[in-house]
Amino acid sequence: MVKRVIRFYVDGFRSMASWSRTLWIIILLKLFILFFIFKLIFFKDTLNTKYDTDRERSEHVIEQITK
């Protein structure tokens, strides 16, 4: 079943026009930049560096939400 789904999408991608393939590559590249690169640069994991336990992290988050 999984093979059939993968084959369906691969065949569909192959049968596209060249401009639409280029458009999909640009879209996927943009999504990669948004979700992976920006996460590494802008959204650092401060909860794990500042707090040692899950309880301290949860208390901090609750405090920030209820302000």
PDB file of N, CA and C in Angstrom:
ATOM      1  N   MET A   1       0.824  -1.193   0.000  1.00  0.00           N
ATOM      2  CA  MET A   1       0.000   0.000   0.000  1.00  0.00           C
ATOM      3  C   MET A   1       0.872   1.263   0.000  1.00  0.00           C
ATOM      4  N   VAL A   2       1.903   1.272   0.853  1.00  0.00           N
ATOM      5  CA  VAL A   2       2.798   2.426   0.923  1.00  0.00           C
ATOM      6  C   VAL A   2       3.554   2.588  -0.386  1.00  0.00           C
ATOM      7  N   LYS A   3       3.982   1.475  -0.975  1.00  0.00           N
ATOM      8  CA  LYS A   3       4.697   1.526  -2.257  1.00  0.00           C
ATOM      9  C   LYS A   3       3.814   2.134  -3.346  1.00  0.00           C
ATOM     10  N   ARG A   4       2.539   1.770  -3.340  1.00  0.00           N
ATOM     11  CA  ARG A   4       1.619   2.293  -4.351  1.00  0.00           C
ATOM     12  C   ARG A   4       1.428   3.794  -4.193  1.00  0.00           C
ATOM     13  N   VAL A   5       1.352   4.272  -2.974  1.00  0.00           N
ATOM     14  CA  VAL A   5       1.185   5.711  -2.728  1.00  0.00           C
ATOM     15  C   VAL A   5       2.438   6.460  -3.175  1.00  0.00           C
ATOM     16  N   ILE A   6       3.605   5.931  -2.821  1.00  0.00           N
ATOM     17  CA  ILE A   6       4.862   6.573  -3.221  1.00  0.00           C
ATOM     18  C   ILE A   6       4.985   6.572  -4.744  1.00  0.00           C
ATOM     19  N   ARG A   7       4.683   5.451  -5.373  1.00  0.00           N
ATOM     20  CA  ARG A   7       4.755   5.367  -6.829  1.00  0.00           C
ATOM     21  C   ARG A   7       3.782   6.349  -7.494  1.00  0.00           C
ATOM     22  N   PHE A   8       2.597   6.523  -6.903  1.00  0.00           N
ATOM     23  CA  PHE A   8       1.618   7.469  -7.419  1.00  0.00           C
ATOM     24  C   PHE A   8       2.188   8.891  -7.455  1.00  0.00           C
ATOM     25  N   TYR A   9       2.820   9.314  -6.359  1.00  0.00           N
ATOM     26  CA  TYR A   9       3.371  10.663  -6.314  1.00  0.00           C
ATOM     27  C   TYR A   9       4.609  10.814  -7.195  1.00  0.00           C
ATOM     28  N   VAL A  10       5.444   9.818  -7.244  1.00  0.00           N
ATOM     29  CA  VAL A  10       6.633   9.881  -8.098  1.00  0.00           C
ATOM     30  C   VAL A  10       6.229   9.947  -9.570  1.00  0.00           C
ATOM     31  N   ASP A  11       5.279   9.125  -9.979  1.00  0.00           N
ATOM     32  CA  ASP A  11       4.813   9.169 -11.370  1.00  0.00           C
ATOM     33  C   ASP A  11       4.145  10.503 -11.691  1.00  0.00           C
ATOM     34  N   GLY A  12       3.392  11.034 -10.766  1.00  0.00           N
ATOM     35  CA  GLY A  12       2.771  12.335 -10.974  1.00  0.00           C
ATOM     36  C   GLY A  12       3.809  13.432 -11.100  1.00  0.00           C
ATOM     37  N   PHE A  13       4.855  13.368 -10.306  1.00  0.00           N
ATOM     38  CA  PHE A  13       5.921  14.364 -10.386  1.00  0.00           C
ATOM     39  C   PHE A  13       6.666  14.263 -11.711  1.00  0.00           C
ATOM     40  N   ARG A  14       6.868  13.057 -12.188  1.00  0.00           N
ATOM     41  CA  ARG A  14       7.569  12.865 -13.469  1.00  0.00           C
ATOM     42  C   ARG A  14       6.751  13.377 -14.651  1.00  0.00           C
ATOM     43  N   SER A  15       5.440  13.258 -14.560  1.00  0.00           N
ATOM     44  CA  SER A  15       4.609  13.641 -15.702  1.00  0.00           C
ATOM     45  C   SER A  15       4.261  15.124 -15.713  1.00  0.00           C
ATOM     46  N   MET A  16       4.738  15.887 -14.751  1.00  0.00           N
ATOM     47  CA  MET A  16       4.477  17.328 -14.724  1.00  0.00           C
ATOM     48  C   MET A  16       5.267  18.047 -15.804  1.00  0.00           C
ATOM     49  N   ALA A  17       4.780  19.232 -16.137  1.00  0.00           N
ATOM     50  CA  ALA A  17       5.531  20.096 -17.042  1.00  0.00           C
ATOM     51  C   ALA A  17       6.770  20.608 -16.313  1.00  0.00           C
ATOM     52  N   SER A  18       7.767  21.021 -17.054  1.00  0.00           N
ATOM     53  CA  SER A  18       9.029  21.426 -16.419  1.00  0.00           C
ATOM     54  C   SER A  18       8.860  22.675 -15.554  1.00  0.00           C
ATOM     55  N   TRP A  19       7.980  23.607 -15.950  1.00  0.00           N
ATOM     56  CA  TRP A  19       7.785  24.813 -15.137  1.00  0.00           C
ATOM     57  C   TRP A  19       7.103  24.485 -13.815  1.00  0.00           C
ATOM     58  N   SER A  20       6.201  23.504 -13.806  1.00  0.00           N
ATOM     59  CA  SER A  20       5.540  23.153 -12.547  1.00  0.00           C
ATOM     60  C   SER A  20       6.484  22.392 -11.623  1.00  0.00           C
ATOM     61  N   ARG A  21       7.381  21.593 -12.203  1.00  0.00           N
ATOM     62  CA  ARG A  21       8.387  20.917 -11.391  1.00  0.00           C
ATOM     63  C   ARG A  21       9.301  21.935 -10.720  1.00  0.00           C
ATOM     64  N   THR A  22       9.705  22.955 -11.480  1.00  0.00           N
ATOM     65  CA  THR A  22      10.546  24.019 -10.930  1.00  0.00           C
ATOM     66  C   THR A  22       9.819  24.758  -9.823  1.00  0.00           C
ATOM     67  N   LEU A  23       8.533  24.997 -10.011  1.00  0.00           N
ATOM     68  CA  LEU A  23       7.733  25.669  -8.992  1.00  0.00           C
ATOM     69  C   LEU A  23       7.662  24.859  -7.709  1.00  0.00           C
ATOM     70  N   TRP A  24       7.465  23.544  -7.809  1.00  0.00           N
ATOM     71  CA  TRP A  24       7.426  22.684  -6.626  1.00  0.00           C
ATOM     72  C   TRP A  24       8.777  22.644  -5.910  1.00  0.00           C
ATOM     73  N   ILE A  25       9.854  22.657  -6.664  1.00  0.00           N
ATOM     74  CA  ILE A  25      11.186  22.676  -6.049  1.00  0.00           C
ATOM     75  C   ILE A  25      11.388  23.971  -5.277  1.00  0.00           C
ATOM     76  N   ILE A  26      10.944  25.089  -5.841  1.00  0.00           N
ATOM     77  CA  ILE A  26      11.052  26.370  -5.139  1.00  0.00           C
ATOM     78  C   ILE A  26      10.210  26.359  -3.870  1.00  0.00           C
ATOM     79  N   ILE A  27       8.999  25.821  -3.941  1.00  0.00           N
ATOM     80  CA  ILE A  27       8.124  25.745  -2.767  1.00  0.00           C
ATOM     81  C   ILE A  27       8.754  24.889  -1.678  1.00  0.00           C
ATOM     82  N   LEU A  28       9.284  23.729  -2.041  1.00  0.00           N
ATOM     83  CA  LEU A  28       9.902  22.845  -1.045  1.00  0.00           C
ATOM     84  C   LEU A  28      11.158  23.468  -0.437  1.00  0.00           C
ATOM     85  N   LEU A  29      11.932  24.160  -1.242  1.00  0.00           N
ATOM     86  CA  LEU A  29      13.119  24.851  -0.741  1.00  0.00           C
ATOM     87  C   LEU A  29      12.723  25.952   0.236  1.00  0.00           C
ATOM     88  N   LYS A  30      11.695  26.684  -0.091  1.00  0.00           N
ATOM     89  CA  LYS A  30      11.207  27.750   0.790  1.00  0.00           C
ATOM     90  C   LYS A  30      10.712  27.168   2.120  1.00  0.00           C
ATOM     91  N   LEU A  31       9.979  26.069   2.075  1.00  0.00           N
ATOM     92  CA  LEU A  31       9.519  25.428   3.313  1.00  0.00           C
ATOM     93  C   LEU A  31      10.693  24.936   4.154  1.00  0.00           C
ATOM     94  N   PHE A  32      11.705  24.378   3.501  1.00  0.00           N
ATOM     95  CA  PHE A  32      12.894  23.936   4.222  1.00  0.00           C
ATOM     96  C   PHE A  32      13.548  25.113   4.939  1.00  0.00           C
ATOM     97  N   ILE A  33      13.697  26.220   4.237  1.00  0.00           N
ATOM     98  CA  ILE A  33      14.319  27.400   4.850  1.00  0.00           C
ATOM     99  C   ILE A  33      13.482  27.897   6.019  1.00  0.00           C
ATOM    100  N   LEU A  34      12.171  27.974   5.842  1.00  0.00           N
ATOM    101  CA  LEU A  34      11.311  28.482   6.906  1.00  0.00           C
ATOM    102  C   LEU A  34      11.350  27.609   8.148  1.00  0.00           C
ATOM    103  N   PHE A  35      11.246  26.302   7.972  1.00  0.00           N
ATOM    104  CA  PHE A  35      11.099  25.435   9.139  1.00  0.00           C
ATOM    105  C   PHE A  35      12.408  24.983   9.760  1.00  0.00           C
ATOM    106  N   PHE A  36      13.443  24.786   9.002  1.00  0.00           N
ATOM    107  CA  PHE A  36      14.673  24.252   9.564  1.00  0.00           C
ATOM    108  C   PHE A  36      15.723  25.332   9.840  1.00  0.00           C
ATOM    109  N   ILE A  37      15.999  26.151   8.871  1.00  0.00           N
ATOM    110  CA  ILE A  37      17.033  27.166   9.043  1.00  0.00           C
ATOM    111  C   ILE A  37      16.599  28.218  10.051  1.00  0.00           C
ATOM    112  N   PHE A  38      15.373  28.727   9.915  1.00  0.00           N
ATOM    113  CA  PHE A  38      14.898  29.742  10.857  1.00  0.00           C
ATOM    114  C   PHE A  38      14.810  29.196  12.275  1.00  0.00           C
ATOM    115  N   LYS A  39      14.446  27.924  12.432  1.00  0.00           N
ATOM    116  CA  LYS A  39      14.376  27.332  13.772  1.00  0.00           C
ATOM    117  C   LYS A  39      15.756  27.314  14.419  1.00  0.00           C
ATOM    118  N   LEU A  40      16.759  26.977  13.650  1.00  0.00           N
ATOM    119  CA  LEU A  40      18.111  26.934  14.198  1.00  0.00           C
ATOM    120  C   LEU A  40      18.623  28.318  14.574  1.00  0.00           C
ATOM    121  N   ILE A  41      18.264  29.331  13.802  1.00  0.00           N
ATOM    122  CA  ILE A  41      18.790  30.672  14.024  1.00  0.00           C
ATOM    123  C   ILE A  41      17.989  31.449  15.059  1.00  0.00           C
ATOM    124  N   PHE A  42      16.659  31.463  14.913  1.00  0.00           N
ATOM    125  CA  PHE A  42      15.836  32.369  15.707  1.00  0.00           C
ATOM    126  C   PHE A  42      15.181  31.733  16.929  1.00  0.00           C
ATOM    127  N   PHE A  43      14.878  30.451  16.892  1.00  0.00           N
ATOM    128  CA  PHE A  43      14.137  29.820  17.973  1.00  0.00           C
ATOM    129  C   PHE A  43      15.036  28.869  18.743  1.00  0.00           C
ATOM    130  N   LYS A  44      15.830  29.429  19.597  1.00  0.00           N
ATOM    131  CA  LYS A  44      16.752  28.617  20.386  1.00  0.00           C
ATOM    132  C   LYS A  44      16.011  27.957  21.546  1.00  0.00           C
ATOM    133  N   ASP A  45      16.544  26.869  22.006  1.00  0.00           N
ATOM    134  CA  ASP A  45      15.906  26.092  23.062  1.00  0.00           C
ATOM    135  C   ASP A  45      16.342  26.632  24.423  1.00  0.00           C
ATOM    136  N   THR A  46      15.705  27.687  24.878  1.00  0.00           N
ATOM    137  CA  THR A  46      16.105  28.324  26.130  1.00  0.00           C
ATOM    138  C   THR A  46      15.577  27.583  27.347  1.00  0.00           C
ATOM    139  N   LEU A  47      14.473  26.865  27.210  1.00  0.00           N
ATOM    140  CA  LEU A  47      13.943  26.152  28.374  1.00  0.00           C
ATOM    141  C   LEU A  47      14.907  25.070  28.851  1.00  0.00           C
ATOM    142  N   ASN A  48      15.525  24.366  27.932  1.00  0.00           N
ATOM    143  CA  ASN A  48      16.463  23.310  28.338  1.00  0.00           C
ATOM    144  C   ASN A  48      17.757  23.873  28.896  1.00  0.00           C
ATOM    145  N   THR A  49      18.137  25.072  28.513  1.00  0.00           N
ATOM    146  CA  THR A  49      19.388  25.630  29.018  1.00  0.00           C
ATOM    147  C   THR A  49      19.203  26.339  30.363  1.00  0.00           C
ATOM    148  N   LYS A  50      18.038  26.924  30.589  1.00  0.00           N
ATOM    149  CA  LYS A  50      17.820  27.671  31.829  1.00  0.00           C
ATOM    150  C   LYS A  50      17.279  26.824  32.968  1.00  0.00           C
ATOM    151  N   TYR A  51      16.516  25.793  32.658  1.00  0.00           N
ATOM    152  CA  TYR A  51      15.840  25.007  33.689  1.00  0.00           C
ATOM    153  C   TYR A  51      16.264  23.557  33.609  1.00  0.00           C
ATOM    154  N   ASP A  52      16.410  22.940  34.789  1.00  0.00           N
ATOM    155  CA  ASP A  52      16.923  21.574  34.844  1.00  0.00           C
ATOM    156  C   ASP A  52      15.829  20.516  34.774  1.00  0.00           C
ATOM    157  N   THR A  53      14.684  20.781  35.374  1.00  0.00           N
ATOM    158  CA  THR A  53      13.637  19.766  35.439  1.00  0.00           C
ATOM    159  C   THR A  53      12.416  20.192  34.625  1.00  0.00           C
ATOM    160  N   ASP A  54      11.582  19.207  34.343  1.00  0.00           N
ATOM    161  CA  ASP A  54      10.345  19.490  33.615  1.00  0.00           C
ATOM    162  C   ASP A  54       9.402  20.353  34.448  1.00  0.00           C
ATOM    163  N   ARG A  55       9.437  20.160  35.735  1.00  0.00           N
ATOM    164  CA  ARG A  55       8.566  20.946  36.623  1.00  0.00           C
ATOM    165  C   ARG A  55       8.933  22.436  36.554  1.00  0.00           C
ATOM    166  N   GLU A  56      10.216  22.753  36.594  1.00  0.00           N
ATOM    167  CA  GLU A  56      10.646  24.151  36.492  1.00  0.00           C
ATOM    168  C   GLU A  56      10.252  24.741  35.137  1.00  0.00           C
ATOM    169  N   ARG A  57      10.401  23.959  34.084  1.00  0.00           N
ATOM    170  CA  ARG A  57      10.027  24.430  32.747  1.00  0.00           C
ATOM    171  C   ARG A  57       8.532  24.713  32.668  1.00  0.00           C
ATOM    172  N   SER A  58       7.731  23.782  33.191  1.00  0.00           N
ATOM    173  CA  SER A  58       6.286  23.971  33.119  1.00  0.00           C
ATOM    174  C   SER A  58       5.834  25.158  33.959  1.00  0.00           C
ATOM    175  N   GLU A  59       6.444  25.360  35.114  1.00  0.00           N
ATOM    176  CA  GLU A  59       6.095  26.519  35.943  1.00  0.00           C
ATOM    177  C   GLU A  59       6.428  27.823  35.215  1.00  0.00           C
ATOM    178  N   HIS A  60       7.563  27.856  34.540  1.00  0.00           N
ATOM    179  CA  HIS A  60       7.949  29.051  33.795  1.00  0.00           C
ATOM    180  C   HIS A  60       6.953  29.324  32.662  1.00  0.00           C
ATOM    181  N   VAL A  61       6.559  28.282  31.934  1.00  0.00           N
ATOM    182  CA  VAL A  61       5.629  28.467  30.830  1.00  0.00           C
ATOM    183  C   VAL A  61       4.270  28.933  31.340  1.00  0.00           C
ATOM    184  N   ILE A  62       3.786  28.344  32.413  1.00  0.00           N
ATOM    185  CA  ILE A  62       2.505  28.764  32.989  1.00  0.00           C
ATOM    186  C   ILE A  62       2.578  30.193  33.460  1.00  0.00           C
ATOM    187  N   GLU A  63       3.682  30.573  34.077  1.00  0.00           N
ATOM    188  CA  GLU A  63       3.860  31.947  34.533  1.00  0.00           C
ATOM    189  C   GLU A  63       3.841  32.930  33.361  1.00  0.00           C
ATOM    190  N   GLN A  64       4.485  32.559  32.264  1.00  0.00           N
ATOM    191  CA  GLN A  64       4.522  33.460  31.095  1.00  0.00           C
ATOM    192  C   GLN A  64       3.163  33.556  30.402  1.00  0.00           C
ATOM    193  N   ILE A  65       2.400  32.475  30.402  1.00  0.00           N
ATOM    194  CA  ILE A  65       1.097  32.483  29.755  1.00  0.00           C
ATOM    195  C   ILE A  65       0.084  33.289  30.556  1.00  0.00           C
ATOM    196  N   THR A  66       0.157  33.199  31.891  1.00  0.00           N
ATOM    197  CA  THR A  66      -0.850  33.854  32.723  1.00  0.00           C
ATOM    198  C   THR A  66      -0.530  35.307  33.043  1.00  0.00           C
ATOM    199  N   LYS A  67       0.543  35.844  32.546  1.00  0.00           N
ATOM    200  CA  LYS A  67       0.876  37.241  32.787  1.00  0.00           C
ATOM    201  C   LYS A  67      -0.089  38.160  32.110  1.00  0.00           C
TER     202      LYS A  67
END
